Amino acid sequence: MHKQFPIGLDEALRMTLESIDPLPVEDVPLLDGLNRALAADVHAKVDSPSVDASLKDGYAVMSRQVEGASRERPVNLKLVGFQAAGGNEKVAVLPGTTVRVLTGAKIPSGADAVVAEEFVSAAGEMITFYIDAEPGRNILPKSSDVASGRVVARRGTLLNPGLVGLLAAAGHDRLSVIRCPYVAIIATGDEVVAPGQPLPEGKLFASNITTLGGWCRRFGMRTHLAVVKDQARLIGEALSRSAETADAVITSGGAWTGDRDLVAQILENLGWRQVFHRIRIGPGKAVGFGLLQGKPVFILPGGPPSNLMGFLQIALPGLLKLAGHLHCRLPSVNVRLATQLSGRTPDWTQLIYGTLEQSVDLPLFHALRGTSRLRSMSEAQAVVAIPEGKTELPSGAVVAAQVLV
C-alpha cells in the first residue's frame, strides 16, 4: 500500500512491521549469539545437574537420624566416606553413619539431606550434629536447572548472558539465530562533513548518522556510514550500492519537499516500493519507508530531534523486526509527569524527550526544554507521547514512557 498523505504513528508502525520479514538463519558459537534472537525453540540435551548434588560443604545424612538434634541434644554419627564435586566414589549412607560432601558433590545413596559443616564438630571418625535437617535440605535435585528434552528457550527469545549460561548447562555450544542486520546509513547535504575531515566555515559534522550508528551498534548491528553531497546522481548511486550490499538503508536529510530534498524522488526513480511518506508526529513528520530491491529503506529528516525521533519510532522497530525480535518497540515504564506537557494540535502525536528522576513510587519525568538540540538529545533518558486527540497531559499524570537508557 502506498500512502502519500500524513498517516498516524500507529498505522505507520503497523505498515512498517508488516512489510519486513526477519533475515535468514545462521548457526553461531554460543557466545556469538548474545543479543541475537533465537531462530527456533531450544531443547535441553542433558539433565543439569546430572545428579542430586550438595549445595553446601557438609555431611550427607539420613534426615531421620538427626531428627531433633540440637546443642542440648546432639547426635553422633560415624564418618564412613568422602565425596567431592565430580567424584563418583561408591559410598553410601547407612543408619548410624554420615559421608563428608563438598559443594556440588553427588549425594551418596541412602542420604536425603545435607547438614552444613558449621553446625557440626568432628573428632576423628565421630561427627557430632547440633541441628536437624528435613528431607531435601541443602540438596539440588537432578535436572532442577534443566531437564533433558525440555524446552529451555523459545524462538524469538533474545540471548542474554544468563540465558547463554543456561544453554551451556543444557548441552549446547552452538545455536541457530537470526542474522543481525548490516545497516547502511547515508547523510545527504552539501553542508554535512564526515567526522575527522576538515570543517569549512558554514558546514557541520554528520552527528545524525553517528547517533543512529550508535543505536544500531547498541543492538549488535553492523553499520556503514557515508556522507553524500546534494547531487541526484551521487545520492542515487549511494542508494543503489547500499541496497545491494546492506540489509537495510537509512537516509538522513533531504526528506521533505524543498528544492534540495531529493531522496524520495530519487528512490521513486530507482523503482522503490513506497509504503508511506510523512507521519502525523512531531518532531519527525517527514519520515518515510519503503522497499528498494526488497530491502527496507527508511527516510529520515535532517533536523537532529526529528531525525532521532523518526529513527526511534519507525526505523529502529523495523530493524529489530529484521533481526528477528518478537518485541520491536523500545521498552516502556510508567512515569509520573513532573510538569504539564502541551502539544500543538490534537490531530498529531507529540513526542517529548525527557529525563527520569527516582521518586517514592514512580519515576518522575522531566521534559527537556534546553536551547541546545544536541545536548538535550544526549541527556534524554525517555520519551513521552501526547497521543492524537489530546493537546496536553496534566502535571502528576501517570503515563507510559519509552526508555532510552
Protein backbone atom coordinates (compact mmCIF):
# COMPACT_ATOMS: atom_id res chain seq x y z
CA MET A 1 0.00 0.00 0.00
CA HIS A 2 1.30 3.44 -0.97
CA LYS A 3 0.25 6.42 1.16
CA GLN A 4 1.27 9.97 0.33
CA PHE A 5 -0.65 11.99 2.90
CA PRO A 6 0.44 12.02 6.56
CA ILE A 7 -0.70 8.93 8.43
CA GLY A 8 -0.90 8.25 12.16
CA LEU A 9 2.03 6.85 14.13
CA ASP A 10 0.35 3.55 14.98
CA GLU A 11 -0.62 2.96 11.35
CA ALA A 12 2.87 3.81 10.15
CA LEU A 13 4.46 1.41 12.64
CA ARG A 14 2.00 -1.35 11.72
CA MET A 15 2.67 -0.92 8.00
CA THR A 16 6.42 -0.94 8.63
CA LEU A 17 6.43 -4.14 10.64
CA GLU A 18 4.03 -5.89 8.24
CA SER A 19 6.38 -5.10 5.33
CA ILE A 20 9.51 -6.60 6.90
CA ASP A 21 10.45 -10.26 7.34
CA PRO A 22 13.29 -11.43 9.58
CA LEU A 23 16.64 -12.14 7.96
CA PRO A 24 17.82 -15.71 7.28
CA VAL A 25 19.07 -18.04 9.99
CA GLU A 26 22.71 -18.70 10.78
CA ASP A 27 24.45 -21.13 13.10
CA VAL A 28 26.89 -19.45 15.52
CA PRO A 29 29.01 -20.31 18.57
CA LEU A 30 27.15 -19.83 21.82
CA LEU A 31 28.78 -16.55 22.87
CA ASP A 32 28.36 -15.06 19.38
CA GLY A 33 24.62 -15.37 19.88
CA LEU A 34 24.50 -12.70 22.60
CA ASN A 35 21.74 -10.13 21.93
CA ARG A 36 20.53 -12.17 18.96
CA ALA A 37 17.09 -13.71 18.50
CA LEU A 38 16.75 -17.49 18.56
CA ALA A 39 15.54 -18.90 15.26
CA ALA A 40 13.90 -21.95 16.85
CA ASP A 41 12.96 -23.44 20.20
CA VAL A 42 15.98 -24.86 22.02
CA HIS A 43 15.67 -28.15 23.91
CA ALA A 44 17.99 -29.39 26.63
CA LYS A 45 20.33 -32.17 25.55
CA VAL A 46 21.18 -33.23 29.10
CA ASP A 47 19.97 -33.03 32.67
CA SER A 48 21.58 -30.33 34.77
CA PRO A 49 22.64 -31.11 37.33
CA SER A 50 23.09 -34.69 36.17
CA VAL A 51 22.83 -35.97 39.76
CA ASP A 52 21.35 -34.89 43.07
CA ALA A 53 24.07 -32.55 44.29
CA SER A 54 25.07 -30.90 47.56
CA LEU A 55 24.53 -27.16 47.91
CA LYS A 56 26.91 -26.95 50.86
CA ASP A 57 30.19 -28.22 52.23
CA GLY A 58 28.93 -30.51 54.96
CA TYR A 59 27.73 -34.01 55.75
CA ALA A 60 25.21 -36.20 53.95
CA VAL A 61 22.78 -37.88 56.32
CA MET A 62 19.52 -39.75 56.63
CA SER A 63 17.27 -36.97 57.86
CA ARG A 64 15.57 -39.23 60.37
CA GLN A 65 18.93 -39.95 62.00
CA VAL A 66 19.41 -36.29 63.02
CA GLU A 67 15.78 -35.54 63.85
CA GLY A 68 15.60 -33.32 66.92
CA ALA A 69 19.36 -32.70 67.04
CA SER A 70 20.35 -29.54 68.96
CA ARG A 71 23.07 -28.15 71.19
CA GLU A 72 21.24 -29.69 74.13
CA ARG A 73 20.62 -32.99 72.35
CA PRO A 74 23.50 -33.58 69.89
CA VAL A 75 23.51 -36.62 67.61
CA ASN A 76 26.69 -38.60 66.86
CA LEU A 77 27.23 -40.39 63.53
CA LYS A 78 30.24 -42.30 62.21
CA LEU A 79 32.12 -40.83 59.23
CA VAL A 80 32.41 -43.53 56.54
CA GLY A 81 33.47 -41.66 53.38
CA PHE A 82 34.13 -38.55 51.40
CA GLN A 83 32.60 -37.19 48.17
CA ALA A 84 33.85 -34.18 46.17
CA ALA A 85 32.28 -32.44 43.19
CA GLY A 86 32.80 -34.59 40.10
CA GLY A 87 33.69 -37.62 42.18
CA ASN A 88 31.89 -40.91 41.76
CA GLU A 89 33.11 -42.94 44.70
CA LYS A 90 30.88 -45.86 45.66
CA VAL A 91 29.96 -44.70 49.11
CA ALA A 92 26.62 -44.98 50.87
CA VAL A 93 25.00 -43.60 54.00
CA LEU A 94 23.65 -46.29 56.28
CA PRO A 95 21.92 -45.97 59.67
CA GLY A 96 24.35 -44.51 62.17
CA THR A 97 26.74 -43.13 59.51
CA THR A 98 27.46 -39.97 57.53
CA VAL A 99 29.56 -39.01 54.47
CA ARG A 100 31.56 -35.83 54.10
CA VAL A 101 30.44 -33.95 50.94
CA LEU A 102 31.66 -30.79 49.27
CA THR A 103 29.55 -28.30 47.32
CA GLY A 104 28.49 -29.83 44.02
CA ALA A 105 29.22 -33.38 45.12
CA LYS A 106 26.89 -36.24 44.25
CA ILE A 107 24.63 -37.16 47.15
CA PRO A 108 25.58 -40.67 48.36
CA SER A 109 22.94 -43.34 48.17
CA GLY A 110 20.85 -43.60 51.30
CA ALA A 111 21.18 -39.89 52.17
CA ASP A 112 18.32 -37.44 51.79
CA ALA A 113 19.76 -34.29 53.39
CA VAL A 114 23.00 -32.38 53.94
CA VAL A 115 23.94 -30.64 57.19
CA ALA A 116 26.26 -27.66 56.63
CA GLU A 117 29.66 -28.05 58.27
CA GLU A 118 29.20 -25.05 60.58
CA PHE A 119 26.56 -26.99 62.53
CA VAL A 120 28.74 -29.98 63.40
CA SER A 121 32.00 -30.81 65.15
CA ALA A 122 34.41 -33.60 64.24
CA ALA A 123 36.54 -35.80 66.50
CA GLY A 124 38.26 -38.42 64.38
CA GLU A 125 35.61 -40.63 62.79
CA MET A 126 32.86 -39.31 65.04
CA ILE A 127 30.78 -36.39 63.76
CA THR A 128 28.51 -34.58 66.21
CA PHE A 129 25.42 -32.83 64.81
CA TYR A 130 23.84 -29.87 66.62
CA ILE A 131 20.97 -29.23 64.19
CA ASP A 132 18.40 -31.33 62.42
CA ALA A 133 17.69 -31.42 58.66
CA GLU A 134 14.44 -32.20 56.91
CA PRO A 135 14.48 -34.31 53.71
CA GLY A 136 15.92 -32.29 50.82
CA ARG A 137 17.87 -29.80 52.99
CA ASN A 138 20.85 -28.39 51.04
CA ILE A 139 20.29 -30.72 48.07
CA LEU A 140 19.95 -29.53 44.47
CA PRO A 141 17.81 -32.19 42.78
CA LYS A 142 18.85 -33.77 39.50
CA SER A 143 17.58 -31.82 36.43
CA SER A 144 16.32 -28.95 38.60
CA ASP A 145 18.06 -26.40 36.32
CA VAL A 146 17.25 -28.09 33.02
CA ALA A 147 15.69 -31.43 32.18
CA SER A 148 16.75 -33.36 29.10
CA GLY A 149 14.28 -32.90 26.24
CA ARG A 150 12.53 -29.91 27.78
CA VAL A 151 12.33 -26.52 26.05
CA VAL A 152 14.92 -24.19 27.57
CA ALA A 153 14.28 -21.12 25.40
CA ARG A 154 11.62 -20.25 22.84
CA ARG A 155 12.01 -19.00 19.28
CA GLY A 156 12.47 -15.24 19.19
CA THR A 157 13.97 -15.05 22.67
CA LEU A 158 16.87 -12.61 22.91
CA LEU A 159 20.03 -14.19 24.26
CA ASN A 160 21.41 -12.50 27.36
CA PRO A 161 24.42 -13.65 29.43
CA GLY A 162 22.29 -15.59 31.90
CA LEU A 163 20.45 -17.46 29.16
CA VAL A 164 23.71 -18.24 27.37
CA GLY A 165 24.95 -19.86 30.57
CA LEU A 166 21.74 -21.85 30.95
CA LEU A 167 22.00 -23.11 27.36
CA ALA A 168 25.59 -24.15 28.01
CA ALA A 169 24.38 -26.14 31.01
CA ALA A 170 21.76 -27.70 28.74
CA GLY A 171 24.50 -29.08 26.49
CA HIS A 172 24.66 -26.51 23.69
CA ASP A 173 27.78 -24.89 22.27
CA ARG A 174 26.19 -23.55 19.05
CA LEU A 175 22.80 -22.03 18.30
CA SER A 176 20.60 -21.11 15.34
CA VAL A 177 19.90 -17.38 15.44
CA ILE A 178 18.53 -14.72 13.08
CA ARG A 179 21.30 -12.95 11.22
CA CYS A 180 21.98 -9.48 12.57
CA PRO A 181 21.32 -6.68 10.05
CA TYR A 182 24.06 -4.78 8.26
CA VAL A 183 22.75 -1.21 8.03
CA ALA A 184 23.87 1.47 5.58
CA ILE A 185 23.32 4.99 6.94
CA ILE A 186 23.62 7.82 4.43
CA ALA A 187 23.73 11.52 5.25
CA THR A 188 22.84 13.84 2.36
CA GLY A 189 23.65 17.52 2.11
CA ASP A 190 26.36 19.88 0.88
CA GLU A 191 26.63 21.29 4.38
CA VAL A 192 27.45 17.94 6.03
CA VAL A 193 31.03 16.79 6.63
CA ALA A 194 32.16 13.35 7.80
CA PRO A 195 33.74 13.36 11.28
CA GLY A 196 37.51 13.53 11.08
CA GLN A 197 37.57 15.70 7.97
CA PRO A 198 38.39 19.44 7.91
CA LEU A 199 35.35 21.57 8.74
CA PRO A 200 34.94 24.58 6.41
CA GLU A 201 33.03 27.61 7.65
CA GLY A 202 29.28 27.21 7.38
CA LYS A 203 29.36 23.39 7.46
CA LEU A 204 28.72 20.88 10.25
CA PHE A 205 29.83 17.40 11.14
CA ALA A 206 27.50 14.46 10.45
CA SER A 207 26.34 13.91 14.02
CA ASN A 208 22.98 12.44 12.99
CA ILE A 209 24.38 9.36 11.31
CA THR A 210 26.86 8.89 14.15
CA THR A 211 24.00 8.86 16.65
CA LEU A 212 21.99 6.43 14.51
CA GLY A 213 25.05 4.24 14.06
CA GLY A 214 25.47 4.18 17.82
CA TRP A 215 21.91 2.98 18.29
CA CYS A 216 22.39 0.26 15.69
CA ARG A 217 25.62 -0.87 17.33
CA ARG A 218 23.81 -0.96 20.68
CA PHE A 219 21.65 -3.76 19.26
CA GLY A 220 24.61 -5.59 17.72
CA MET A 221 24.04 -4.39 14.16
CA ARG A 222 26.98 -3.68 11.85
CA THR A 223 26.89 -0.31 10.13
CA HIS A 224 28.39 1.60 7.24
CA LEU A 225 28.22 5.40 7.44
CA ALA A 226 28.51 7.65 4.40
CA VAL A 227 28.13 11.33 3.56
CA VAL A 228 26.85 12.26 0.06
CA LYS A 229 26.50 15.71 -1.49
CA ASP A 230 23.16 17.04 -2.70
CA GLN A 231 23.52 15.72 -6.23
CA ALA A 232 20.90 13.35 -7.60
CA ARG A 233 23.44 11.16 -9.37
CA LEU A 234 25.60 10.72 -6.25
CA ILE A 235 22.63 10.06 -4.00
CA GLY A 236 21.18 7.55 -6.47
CA GLU A 237 24.49 5.71 -6.74
CA ALA A 238 24.83 5.57 -2.96
CA LEU A 239 21.29 4.24 -2.54
CA SER A 240 21.69 1.60 -5.25
CA ARG A 241 25.04 0.46 -3.88
CA SER A 242 23.70 0.31 -0.32
CA ALA A 243 20.62 -1.68 -1.35
CA GLU A 244 22.91 -4.23 -3.00
CA THR A 245 25.32 -4.64 -0.08
CA ALA A 246 23.33 -3.90 3.09
CA ASP A 247 20.27 -5.46 4.69
CA ALA A 248 18.63 -2.08 5.33
CA VAL A 249 19.24 1.54 4.38
CA ILE A 250 18.65 4.73 6.37
CA THR A 251 18.90 8.19 4.83
CA SER A 252 19.38 11.34 6.88
CA GLY A 253 18.34 14.66 5.35
CA GLY A 254 16.61 15.59 2.13
CA ALA A 255 13.35 14.09 3.33
CA TRP A 256 10.91 16.98 2.88
CA THR A 257 9.75 18.96 -0.17
CA GLY A 258 12.38 21.70 -0.51
CA ASP A 259 14.48 22.39 -3.58
CA ARG A 260 17.21 20.06 -2.34
CA ASP A 261 15.03 17.45 -0.68
CA LEU A 262 15.80 14.84 -3.31
CA VAL A 263 15.71 11.48 -1.55
CA ALA A 264 12.08 10.44 -2.08
CA GLN A 265 12.13 11.38 -5.79
CA ILE A 266 15.43 9.57 -6.35
CA LEU A 267 14.04 6.46 -4.70
CA GLU A 268 10.98 6.75 -6.90
CA ASN A 269 13.23 6.87 -9.96
CA LEU A 270 15.11 3.81 -8.72
CA GLY A 271 11.85 1.86 -8.53
CA TRP A 272 11.38 1.54 -4.81
CA ARG A 273 8.01 0.45 -3.40
CA GLN A 274 6.98 3.32 -1.17
CA VAL A 275 4.82 2.30 1.77
CA PHE A 276 4.35 5.77 3.25
CA HIS A 277 5.97 9.19 3.43
CA ARG A 278 5.10 11.65 6.21
CA ILE A 279 3.62 10.81 9.59
CA ARG A 280 1.49 12.84 11.94
CA ILE A 281 4.19 13.10 14.61
CA GLY A 282 6.20 15.98 15.95
CA PRO A 283 9.12 16.01 15.73
CA GLY A 284 9.70 13.70 12.76
CA LYS A 285 6.82 14.27 10.34
CA ALA A 286 8.96 13.79 7.19
CA VAL A 287 9.69 10.10 7.93
CA GLY A 288 9.20 7.74 5.01
CA PHE A 289 9.51 4.00 4.49
CA GLY A 290 9.59 1.63 1.55
CA LEU A 291 11.48 -1.21 -0.10
CA LEU A 292 14.30 -0.94 -2.66
CA GLN A 293 15.48 -4.19 -4.21
CA GLY A 294 13.49 -5.88 -1.45
CA LYS A 295 15.50 -4.10 1.26
CA PRO A 296 13.87 -1.80 3.84
CA VAL A 297 14.70 1.87 3.30
CA PHE A 298 13.92 4.48 5.95
CA ILE A 299 13.85 8.19 5.01
CA LEU A 300 14.62 10.40 8.00
CA PRO A 301 14.61 14.21 8.18
CA GLY A 302 17.86 16.06 8.78
CA GLY A 303 16.94 18.10 11.87
CA PRO A 304 18.51 16.25 14.82
CA PRO A 305 15.40 15.95 17.07
CA SER A 306 13.25 14.85 14.11
CA ASN A 307 15.97 12.54 12.83
CA LEU A 308 16.37 10.64 16.08
CA MET A 309 12.64 10.55 16.84
CA GLY A 310 11.83 9.15 13.41
CA PHE A 311 14.51 6.53 13.94
CA LEU A 312 13.27 5.54 17.40
CA GLN A 313 9.60 5.33 16.42
CA ILE A 314 9.83 3.73 12.95
CA ALA A 315 13.32 2.75 11.76
CA LEU A 316 14.51 1.03 14.94
CA PRO A 317 11.38 -1.13 15.29
CA GLY A 318 11.76 -2.09 11.62
CA LEU A 319 15.40 -3.04 12.11
CA LEU A 320 14.53 -5.08 15.19
CA LYS A 321 11.87 -6.94 13.19
CA LEU A 322 14.56 -7.60 10.58
CA ALA A 323 16.75 -9.02 13.37
CA GLY A 324 14.00 -11.42 14.43
CA HIS A 325 12.92 -9.68 17.62
CA LEU A 326 9.41 -10.52 18.76
CA HIS A 327 9.10 -7.24 20.68
CA CYS A 328 10.22 -4.46 18.38
CA ARG A 329 9.35 -1.35 20.34
CA LEU A 330 11.51 0.34 22.92
CA PRO A 331 10.83 -0.83 26.49
CA SER A 332 8.42 1.34 28.44
CA VAL A 333 7.71 2.10 32.09
CA ASN A 334 5.03 4.06 33.88
CA VAL A 335 6.17 7.51 35.00
CA ARG A 336 4.64 10.49 36.76
CA LEU A 337 4.84 13.82 34.96
CA ALA A 338 6.74 16.48 36.91
CA THR A 339 5.08 19.27 34.90
CA GLN A 340 2.26 19.70 32.42
CA LEU A 341 3.08 18.69 28.85
CA SER A 342 1.49 20.62 25.99
CA GLY A 343 1.19 19.73 22.32
CA ARG A 344 0.39 21.77 19.23
CA THR A 345 -2.64 20.08 17.67
CA PRO A 346 -4.97 17.22 18.61
CA ASP A 347 -4.56 15.65 15.17
CA TRP A 348 -0.90 14.72 15.73
CA THR A 349 1.16 12.70 18.22
CA GLN A 350 3.56 15.00 20.04
CA LEU A 351 6.70 13.22 21.29
CA ILE A 352 8.75 14.77 24.08
CA TYR A 353 12.26 13.95 25.23
CA GLY A 354 12.90 13.96 28.95
CA THR A 355 14.90 12.75 31.92
CA LEU A 356 13.84 10.43 34.74
CA GLU A 357 14.17 11.14 38.44
CA GLN A 358 13.69 8.38 41.00
CA SER A 359 10.91 9.07 43.48
CA VAL A 360 8.98 7.20 46.15
CA ASP A 361 6.56 5.38 43.86
CA LEU A 362 7.12 6.06 40.15
CA PRO A 363 9.98 7.79 38.31
CA LEU A 364 9.35 11.48 37.65
CA PHE A 365 9.52 12.57 34.01
CA HIS A 366 11.06 15.99 33.39
CA ALA A 367 10.65 17.35 29.87
CA LEU A 368 13.88 18.62 28.29
CA ARG A 369 13.46 22.17 27.08
CA GLY A 370 17.09 23.25 26.58
CA THR A 371 18.12 25.54 23.76
CA SER A 372 20.78 23.08 22.55
CA ARG A 373 19.12 20.37 20.49
CA LEU A 374 22.09 18.02 20.55
CA ARG A 375 22.77 18.43 24.26
CA SER A 376 19.11 17.82 25.12
CA MET A 377 19.06 14.70 22.95
CA SER A 378 22.26 13.41 24.55
CA GLU A 379 20.73 13.87 28.00
CA ALA A 380 17.38 12.28 27.12
CA GLN A 381 16.51 9.16 29.09
CA ALA A 382 12.92 8.68 27.99
CA VAL A 383 10.20 9.79 25.55
CA VAL A 384 6.59 10.56 26.43
CA ALA A 385 3.83 10.86 23.83
CA ILE A 386 0.88 13.21 23.87
CA PRO A 387 -1.37 10.99 21.74
CA GLU A 388 -3.68 12.07 18.97
CA GLY A 389 -6.88 13.51 20.37
CA LYS A 390 -5.12 15.37 23.20
CA THR A 391 -3.21 18.64 23.39
CA GLU A 392 -1.90 18.34 26.93
CA LEU A 393 -1.12 15.96 29.77
CA PRO A 394 -1.51 17.40 33.29
CA SER A 395 1.24 17.58 35.88
CA GLY A 396 1.15 14.49 38.10
CA ALA A 397 -0.44 12.30 35.44
CA VAL A 398 0.82 8.70 35.21
CA VAL A 399 1.72 7.81 31.64
CA ALA A 400 3.88 5.30 29.76
CA ALA A 401 7.36 6.45 28.76
CA GLN A 402 9.72 4.82 26.28
CA VAL A 403 13.05 4.20 27.98
CA LEU A 404 16.20 5.23 26.09
CA VAL A 405 18.86 4.21 28.63
